[in-house]
Amino acid sequence: MLTCEMDEIIIHGTTSKGKVFRPSDWAERLCGILSSFNKENRLSYHEWVQPIVLDKVRCVAIDPKLADINPNMFRFLMDFAADNDLRVLEYGALLQEMGIEPSQHTPPPSTQHDTPTTQQPEPHEMAVSGSQTVAAQADAPVLREIMPHETASAFAALSVLRPKLQDINSFVEQVNEIQRKQGYRLLGIFEGGMSNAVAVCGFREEMNLVSGRHIHIDDLITLPQYRRNGYGTRLLSEVQNIARLAGIAEIHIDSNVGGERTTAHRIYFQHGFEIGAYHFVCQVDLLR
């Protein structure tokens, strides 16, 4: 990956408040850390991730295929961006934000000094590539249930929501061997050509004395670079449809109260959810 494509994911070196992230070589340092994800071939990550400079701001460009190729590495990068309040968006969207037409942009320089240049395709090759891009964009995102044989496709998204998820094999085993037997189900939204879901909802049907038969949503997440597409709304609406068809009167969801959850809370309110209880947690190991 030597230049940016329109669908590549950019971790931009500015925060949501417009401050430039420090230190100045953070992008190079971050990419250097990725060598630990593949000790047998330390330079393989360069095919998918590279530090670049955009309008004098250091950034990291990520090939979206990385979410399929190395979910752990992809989650690490998304976690880094979230933890440091760095903006994450597609390169094409960033160009539009900067007021640059895609046909007018000059590929950003990589900060890697020994990167060879690539031969530019002939005009007719560019035309074919462009038509393929248009065809790919025409593929509408698909919302469907994630079945047991494809549970792994939910890992990339859920590992962003649940940082404790470190191993995809353990994740699949837990979901399929334990949680699904308890009624847990997964819905996912898949964009054209992608095997991993870009948005995921995990839910289960429950029965208890206080609420009777109801659906409880355990997990709801859209990968940062795919947000503002209404995917969370689509997933919630689908769960509501499932509840109606099953004759279930209530849907429950727990959500943390930090400021970073404000957008999620707004979506819940828009879908008819109300705050109905406090959720208490006791850390038993801390009791004396």
Foldseek 3Di string as FASTA:
>chain_A
DFFADQQWKKQWQAAPVGHGDDDQCVQVVLLQVCLVVPVVDSCVCVVAKFWFADPNHIMMIGHPCCCVVPLLSLLVVLLVSVVVRTAMAGNNVVCVVVVHDPVRDDTTHTPDDPDDDDDDDDPVVVVVVVVVVVVQVPFDKDKDWQDLVLPLLACSWVCNVPVVPRDSVVVSCCCPVPVVVQAKTKMFIGGGPDSHGQWMWIKGWDADDPQGTEIETEDTGGRNHPPPPCPSVVVVVVVVVVCVVVVHDYYHYDDDDDPVCVVVVVSCVVVPDDDDDDDDDDDVVPDD
